[in-house]
Amino acid sequence: MALVRIGGPTAESGAAAQGADRGRESADVLSDRAGVTAFLARHGIDYERWTPAHAVAGDAPAEAVLSAYAAEIAALKARGGYATADVIDVTPETPNLDTMLAKFSREHWHDEDEVRFIIEGRGLFHVHPADGPVFAIEVEAGDLIRVPRGTHHWFDLCGEKRIRAIRLFQDVSGWTPHYTDSGVDRSFEPVCFGPTYVARR
């Protein structure tokens, strides 16, 4: 299930000895489904928890993934007016991975919603609302998230650098990132926190 962290760790805390731990200790973390859903809803972000009910091999082609989840994709298209769907499949062996990830790890926004259903792996959205502090959303398999158009955010993979997700679009051209060049993303470490951190609280 998704976790939400409000605050740290920042780059400043991570640079000092044991800084990541201090950043973690200063952060508020939401780990219950109701709390996560309610918090994200206040920022216009839709969150649902789906069970990845279809057995799809890790090396299955995108067409097989889309076919297996055809019913769920059709429901999302009808609900959100999305016209097309694809699969993003990233592993540590993905060619030019660092270059690809660099496109997403700077603060940006899109002309349309960013919709992701996570099938495998983990990732970290940082969201920079206009009226509050930056917060992070760690997503994992089974999480469905919709970040509204115009939302300032950036995205990193967790340490294993693995994610497979279904993406939905109203218009693929509308997904082009518009960078803010604010530099705020440089103040936050791309540190996933996960169930181990929650257990420590």
C-alpha atoms as a PDB file:
ATOM      1  CA  MET A   1       0.000   0.000   0.000  1.00  0.00           C
ATOM      2  CA  ALA A   2       1.137   3.551  -0.669  1.00  0.00           C
ATOM      3  CA  LEU A   3       2.883   5.471   2.094  1.00  0.00           C
ATOM      4  CA  VAL A   4       2.964   9.259   2.407  1.00  0.00           C
ATOM      5  CA  ARG A   5       5.840  11.134   4.004  1.00  0.00           C
ATOM      6  CA  ILE A   6       5.445  14.827   4.836  1.00  0.00           C
ATOM      7  CA  GLY A   7       8.833  16.487   5.236  1.00  0.00           C
ATOM      8  CA  GLY A   8      12.456  15.032   5.249  1.00  0.00           C
ATOM      9  CA  PRO A   9      14.827  13.629   4.379  1.00  0.00           C
ATOM     10  CA  THR A  10      16.289  16.679   2.701  1.00  0.00           C
ATOM     11  CA  ALA A  11      19.593  16.905   0.913  1.00  0.00           C
ATOM     12  CA  GLU A  12      20.943  18.987   3.791  1.00  0.00           C
ATOM     13  CA  SER A  13      20.119  16.368   6.403  1.00  0.00           C
ATOM     14  CA  GLY A  14      21.374  13.565   4.168  1.00  0.00           C
ATOM     15  CA  ALA A  15      24.765  15.233   3.768  1.00  0.00           C
ATOM     16  CA  ALA A  16      25.544  15.118   7.490  1.00  0.00           C
ATOM     17  CA  ALA A  17      26.466  12.028   9.456  1.00  0.00           C
ATOM     18  CA  GLN A  18      23.356   9.957  10.045  1.00  0.00           C
ATOM     19  CA  GLY A  19      21.480  12.782   8.342  1.00  0.00           C
ATOM     20  CA  ALA A  20      19.014  10.459   6.603  1.00  0.00           C
ATOM     21  CA  ASP A  21      17.964   9.074   9.977  1.00  0.00           C
ATOM     22  CA  ARG A  22      17.411  12.586  11.331  1.00  0.00           C
ATOM     23  CA  GLY A  23      15.384  13.435   8.245  1.00  0.00           C
ATOM     24  CA  ARG A  24      13.272  10.371   8.734  1.00  0.00           C
ATOM     25  CA  GLU A  25      12.723  11.119  12.406  1.00  0.00           C
ATOM     26  CA  SER A  26      11.481  14.618  11.576  1.00  0.00           C
ATOM     27  CA  ALA A  27       9.007  13.433   8.943  1.00  0.00           C
ATOM     28  CA  ASP A  28       5.371  12.559   9.454  1.00  0.00           C
ATOM     29  CA  VAL A  29       4.424   9.275   7.762  1.00  0.00           C
ATOM     30  CA  LEU A  30       0.909   8.132   6.911  1.00  0.00           C
ATOM     31  CA  SER A  31       0.653   4.364   6.485  1.00  0.00           C
ATOM     32  CA  ASP A  32      -3.031   3.512   6.940  1.00  0.00           C
ATOM     33  CA  ARG A  33      -5.182   3.360   3.840  1.00  0.00           C
ATOM     34  CA  ALA A  34      -7.868   5.737   5.087  1.00  0.00           C
ATOM     35  CA  GLY A  35      -5.313   8.324   6.183  1.00  0.00           C
ATOM     36  CA  VAL A  36      -3.366   8.129   2.921  1.00  0.00           C
ATOM     37  CA  THR A  37      -6.520   8.364   0.805  1.00  0.00           C
ATOM     38  CA  ALA A  38      -7.911  11.327   2.759  1.00  0.00           C
ATOM     39  CA  PHE A  39      -4.625  13.244   2.737  1.00  0.00           C
ATOM     40  CA  LEU A  40      -4.094  12.797  -1.000  1.00  0.00           C
ATOM     41  CA  ALA A  41      -7.724  13.718  -1.725  1.00  0.00           C
ATOM     42  CA  ARG A  42      -7.181  17.065  -0.003  1.00  0.00           C
ATOM     43  CA  HIS A  43      -4.527  17.738  -2.634  1.00  0.00           C
ATOM     44  CA  GLY A  44      -6.729  16.586  -5.517  1.00  0.00           C
ATOM     45  CA  ILE A  45      -4.869  13.266  -5.929  1.00  0.00           C
ATOM     46  CA  ASP A  46      -6.982  10.137  -6.378  1.00  0.00           C
ATOM     47  CA  TYR A  47      -5.669   6.973  -4.729  1.00  0.00           C
ATOM     48  CA  GLU A  48      -7.097   3.482  -4.794  1.00  0.00           C
ATOM     49  CA  ARG A  49      -5.784   0.090  -3.805  1.00  0.00           C
ATOM     50  CA  TRP A  50      -6.334  -2.637  -6.401  1.00  0.00           C
ATOM     51  CA  THR A  51      -5.220  -6.219  -6.236  1.00  0.00           C
ATOM     52  CA  PRO A  52      -2.985  -7.161  -9.188  1.00  0.00           C
ATOM     53  CA  ALA A  53      -5.322 -10.066  -9.847  1.00  0.00           C
ATOM     54  CA  HIS A  54      -3.866 -11.303 -13.101  1.00  0.00           C
ATOM     55  CA  ALA A  55      -0.799 -13.496 -13.214  1.00  0.00           C
ATOM     56  CA  VAL A  56       1.496 -11.929 -15.801  1.00  0.00           C
ATOM     57  CA  ALA A  57       5.081 -13.112 -16.183  1.00  0.00           C
ATOM     58  CA  GLY A  58       7.776 -10.582 -15.392  1.00  0.00           C
ATOM     59  CA  ASP A  59       9.062 -10.781 -18.950  1.00  0.00           C
ATOM     60  CA  ALA A  60       5.622 -10.722 -20.602  1.00  0.00           C
ATOM     61  CA  PRO A  61       5.324  -8.169 -23.432  1.00  0.00           C
ATOM     62  CA  ALA A  62       3.272  -5.024 -22.969  1.00  0.00           C
ATOM     63  CA  GLU A  63       0.483  -6.420 -25.135  1.00  0.00           C
ATOM     64  CA  ALA A  64       0.018  -9.336 -22.722  1.00  0.00           C
ATOM     65  CA  VAL A  65      -0.137  -6.980 -19.724  1.00  0.00           C
ATOM     66  CA  LEU A  66      -2.712  -4.724 -21.394  1.00  0.00           C
ATOM     67  CA  SER A  67      -4.768  -7.752 -22.420  1.00  0.00           C
ATOM     68  CA  ALA A  68      -4.735  -9.199 -18.911  1.00  0.00           C
ATOM     69  CA  TYR A  69      -5.938  -5.905 -17.421  1.00  0.00           C
ATOM     70  CA  ALA A  70      -8.315  -4.996 -20.258  1.00  0.00           C
ATOM     71  CA  ALA A  71     -11.396  -4.836 -18.021  1.00  0.00           C
ATOM     72  CA  GLU A  72      -9.730  -2.544 -15.470  1.00  0.00           C
ATOM     73  CA  ILE A  73      -8.315  -0.323 -18.205  1.00  0.00           C
ATOM     74  CA  ALA A  74     -11.745  -0.023 -19.844  1.00  0.00           C
ATOM     75  CA  ALA A  75     -13.279   1.023 -16.531  1.00  0.00           C
ATOM     76  CA  LEU A  76     -10.617   3.695 -15.995  1.00  0.00           C
ATOM     77  CA  LYS A  77     -11.027   5.007 -19.556  1.00  0.00           C
ATOM     78  CA  ALA A  78     -14.762   5.350 -19.071  1.00  0.00           C
ATOM     79  CA  ARG A  79     -14.346   7.060 -15.721  1.00  0.00           C
ATOM     80  CA  GLY A  80     -11.618   9.524 -16.650  1.00  0.00           C
ATOM     81  CA  GLY A  81     -12.028  10.058 -20.363  1.00  0.00           C
ATOM     82  CA  TYR A  82      -8.695   8.437 -21.173  1.00  0.00           C
ATOM     83  CA  ALA A  83      -8.132   7.418 -24.776  1.00  0.00           C
ATOM     84  CA  THR A  84      -5.139   5.110 -24.664  1.00  0.00           C
ATOM     85  CA  ALA A  85      -2.964   3.046 -22.344  1.00  0.00           C
ATOM     86  CA  ASP A  86       0.543   1.665 -22.415  1.00  0.00           C
ATOM     87  CA  VAL A  87       2.982  -0.139 -20.134  1.00  0.00           C
ATOM     88  CA  ILE A  88       6.194   1.259 -18.736  1.00  0.00           C
ATOM     89  CA  ASP A  89       8.592  -1.521 -17.777  1.00  0.00           C
ATOM     90  CA  VAL A  90      11.857  -0.505 -16.148  1.00  0.00           C
ATOM     91  CA  THR A  91      14.622  -2.708 -14.733  1.00  0.00           C
ATOM     92  CA  PRO A  92      18.238  -1.984 -13.744  1.00  0.00           C
ATOM     93  CA  GLU A  93      19.197  -3.313 -17.197  1.00  0.00           C
ATOM     94  CA  THR A  94      17.018  -0.819 -19.124  1.00  0.00           C
ATOM     95  CA  PRO A  95      19.278   0.931 -21.682  1.00  0.00           C
ATOM     96  CA  ASN A  96      20.148   4.544 -20.807  1.00  0.00           C
ATOM     97  CA  LEU A  97      18.243   4.209 -17.539  1.00  0.00           C
ATOM     98  CA  ASP A  98      19.913   7.143 -15.789  1.00  0.00           C
ATOM     99  CA  THR A  99      19.193   9.445 -18.727  1.00  0.00           C
ATOM    100  CA  MET A 100      15.564   8.354 -18.798  1.00  0.00           C
ATOM    101  CA  LEU A 101      15.106   8.795 -15.050  1.00  0.00           C
ATOM    102  CA  ALA A 102      16.686  12.262 -15.195  1.00  0.00           C
ATOM    103  CA  LYS A 103      13.710  13.417 -17.285  1.00  0.00           C
ATOM    104  CA  PHE A 104      11.346  12.624 -14.418  1.00  0.00           C
ATOM    105  CA  SER A 105      13.453  13.542 -11.362  1.00  0.00           C
ATOM    106  CA  ARG A 106      13.274  17.330 -11.940  1.00  0.00           C
ATOM    107  CA  GLU A 107      10.198  19.236 -10.792  1.00  0.00           C
ATOM    108  CA  HIS A 108       7.707  19.455 -13.650  1.00  0.00           C
ATOM    109  CA  TRP A 109       4.030  19.417 -14.535  1.00  0.00           C
ATOM    110  CA  HIS A 110       1.896  18.020 -17.373  1.00  0.00           C
ATOM    111  CA  ASP A 111      -0.997  19.270 -19.460  1.00  0.00           C
ATOM    112  CA  GLU A 112      -3.008  16.189 -18.496  1.00  0.00           C
ATOM    113  CA  ASP A 113      -3.440  13.806 -15.577  1.00  0.00           C
ATOM    114  CA  GLU A 114      -0.690  11.354 -14.697  1.00  0.00           C
ATOM    115  CA  VAL A 115      -2.410   8.011 -14.079  1.00  0.00           C
ATOM    116  CA  ARG A 116      -0.458   4.955 -12.976  1.00  0.00           C
ATOM    117  CA  PHE A 117      -1.464   1.477 -11.885  1.00  0.00           C
ATOM    118  CA  ILE A 118       1.591  -0.209 -10.378  1.00  0.00           C
ATOM    119  CA  ILE A 119       1.941  -3.896 -11.213  1.00  0.00           C
ATOM    120  CA  GLU A 120       5.444  -4.533  -9.926  1.00  0.00           C
ATOM    121  CA  GLY A 121       8.200  -2.609  -8.154  1.00  0.00           C
ATOM    122  CA  ARG A 122       8.231   0.663  -6.241  1.00  0.00           C
ATOM    123  CA  GLY A 123       8.624   4.354  -6.977  1.00  0.00           C
ATOM    124  CA  LEU A 124       8.556   7.722  -5.219  1.00  0.00           C
ATOM    125  CA  PHE A 125       6.484  10.745  -6.238  1.00  0.00           C
ATOM    126  CA  HIS A 126       7.372  14.051  -4.610  1.00  0.00           C
ATOM    127  CA  VAL A 127       4.517  16.556  -4.848  1.00  0.00           C
ATOM    128  CA  HIS A 128       5.004  20.301  -4.348  1.00  0.00           C
ATOM    129  CA  PRO A 129       1.618  21.873  -3.606  1.00  0.00           C
ATOM    130  CA  ALA A 130       1.180  25.616  -3.888  1.00  0.00           C
ATOM    131  CA  ASP A 131      -0.208  25.908  -0.366  1.00  0.00           C
ATOM    132  CA  GLY A 132       1.853  23.525   1.740  1.00  0.00           C
ATOM    133  CA  PRO A 133       5.068  21.560   2.225  1.00  0.00           C
ATOM    134  CA  VAL A 134       6.450  19.050  -0.238  1.00  0.00           C
ATOM    135  CA  PHE A 135       5.320  15.491   0.460  1.00  0.00           C
ATOM    136  CA  ALA A 136       6.383  12.123  -0.928  1.00  0.00           C
ATOM    137  CA  ILE A 137       4.205   9.211  -2.015  1.00  0.00           C
ATOM    138  CA  GLU A 138       5.846   5.816  -2.188  1.00  0.00           C
ATOM    139  CA  VAL A 139       3.840   3.562  -4.519  1.00  0.00           C
ATOM    140  CA  GLU A 140       4.052  -0.204  -4.915  1.00  0.00           C
ATOM    141  CA  ALA A 141       2.257  -3.057  -6.675  1.00  0.00           C
ATOM    142  CA  GLY A 142      -1.510  -2.660  -6.384  1.00  0.00           C
ATOM    143  CA  ASP A 143      -1.506   1.132  -6.079  1.00  0.00           C
ATOM    144  CA  LEU A 144      -3.569   3.202  -8.499  1.00  0.00           C
ATOM    145  CA  ILE A 145      -2.797   6.913  -8.436  1.00  0.00           C
ATOM    146  CA  ARG A 146      -3.983   9.928 -10.425  1.00  0.00           C
ATOM    147  CA  VAL A 147      -1.926  13.108 -10.143  1.00  0.00           C
ATOM    148  CA  PRO A 148      -3.998  15.943 -11.674  1.00  0.00           C
ATOM    149  CA  ARG A 149      -2.779  18.006 -14.592  1.00  0.00           C
ATOM    150  CA  GLY A 150      -0.791  21.049 -13.547  1.00  0.00           C
ATOM    151  CA  THR A 151       0.484  19.455 -10.315  1.00  0.00           C
ATOM    152  CA  HIS A 152       4.140  20.237  -9.638  1.00  0.00           C
ATOM    153  CA  HIS A 153       5.945  16.981  -8.917  1.00  0.00           C
ATOM    154  CA  TRP A 154       8.888  14.742  -9.700  1.00  0.00           C
ATOM    155  CA  PHE A 155       9.476  10.983  -9.673  1.00  0.00           C
ATOM    156  CA  ASP A 156      12.285   8.602  -8.695  1.00  0.00           C
ATOM    157  CA  LEU A 157      12.605   4.847  -8.551  1.00  0.00           C
ATOM    158  CA  CYS A 158      13.412   3.083  -5.295  1.00  0.00           C
ATOM    159  CA  GLY A 159      16.769   1.404  -4.777  1.00  0.00           C
ATOM    160  CA  GLU A 160      15.978  -1.743  -6.738  1.00  0.00           C
ATOM    161  CA  LYS A 161      15.243   0.409  -9.824  1.00  0.00           C
ATOM    162  CA  ARG A 162      12.313  -1.747 -10.843  1.00  0.00           C
ATOM    163  CA  ILE A 163       8.827  -0.705 -11.823  1.00  0.00           C
ATOM    164  CA  ARG A 164       6.149  -1.987 -14.168  1.00  0.00           C
ATOM    165  CA  ALA A 165       3.020   0.114 -14.480  1.00  0.00           C
ATOM    166  CA  ILE A 166       0.059   0.729 -16.739  1.00  0.00           C
ATOM    167  CA  ARG A 167      -0.213   4.372 -17.824  1.00  0.00           C
ATOM    168  CA  LEU A 168      -3.365   6.005 -19.162  1.00  0.00           C
ATOM    169  CA  PHE A 169      -3.535   9.100 -21.361  1.00  0.00           C
ATOM    170  CA  GLN A 170      -6.157  11.428 -22.744  1.00  0.00           C
ATOM    171  CA  ASP A 171      -3.593  12.579 -25.302  1.00  0.00           C
ATOM    172  CA  VAL A 172      -0.038  11.246 -25.287  1.00  0.00           C
ATOM    173  CA  SER A 173       1.283  14.622 -26.422  1.00  0.00           C
ATOM    174  CA  GLY A 174      -0.194  16.196 -23.304  1.00  0.00           C
ATOM    175  CA  TRP A 175       2.156  14.166 -21.130  1.00  0.00           C
ATOM    176  CA  THR A 176       5.233  16.152 -22.194  1.00  0.00           C
ATOM    177  CA  PRO A 177       6.889  17.473 -18.995  1.00  0.00           C
ATOM    178  CA  HIS A 178       7.045  21.220 -18.436  1.00  0.00           C
ATOM    179  CA  TYR A 179       9.975  21.882 -16.097  1.00  0.00           C
ATOM    180  CA  THR A 180       9.646  24.556 -13.428  1.00  0.00           C
ATOM    181  CA  ASP A 181      13.419  24.940 -12.917  1.00  0.00           C
ATOM    182  CA  SER A 182      12.614  25.929  -9.333  1.00  0.00           C
ATOM    183  CA  GLY A 183      15.415  23.757  -7.956  1.00  0.00           C
ATOM    184  CA  VAL A 184      13.226  22.534  -5.100  1.00  0.00           C
ATOM    185  CA  ASP A 185      13.782  18.910  -6.158  1.00  0.00           C
ATOM    186  CA  ARG A 186      17.494  19.283  -5.333  1.00  0.00           C
ATOM    187  CA  SER A 187      16.571  19.860  -1.688  1.00  0.00           C
ATOM    188  CA  PHE A 188      15.051  16.406  -1.252  1.00  0.00           C
ATOM    189  CA  GLU A 189      16.764  13.030  -1.227  1.00  0.00           C
ATOM    190  CA  PRO A 190      15.142  10.343  -3.444  1.00  0.00           C
ATOM    191  CA  VAL A 191      14.951   7.976  -0.465  1.00  0.00           C
ATOM    192  CA  CYS A 192      12.171   5.407  -0.366  1.00  0.00           C
ATOM    193  CA  PHE A 193      11.073   4.567   3.157  1.00  0.00           C
ATOM    194  CA  GLY A 194       8.912   1.441   2.879  1.00  0.00           C
ATOM    195  CA  PRO A 195       7.572  -0.968   5.507  1.00  0.00           C
ATOM    196  CA  THR A 196      10.880  -1.231   7.407  1.00  0.00           C
ATOM    197  CA  TYR A 197      10.759   2.458   8.262  1.00  0.00           C
ATOM    198  CA  VAL A 198       7.092   2.296   9.282  1.00  0.00           C
ATOM    199  CA  ALA A 199       7.853  -0.587  11.648  1.00  0.00           C
ATOM    200  CA  ARG A 200      10.475   1.531  13.398  1.00  0.00           C
ATOM    201  CA  ARG A 201       8.088   4.297  14.387  1.00  0.00           C
END
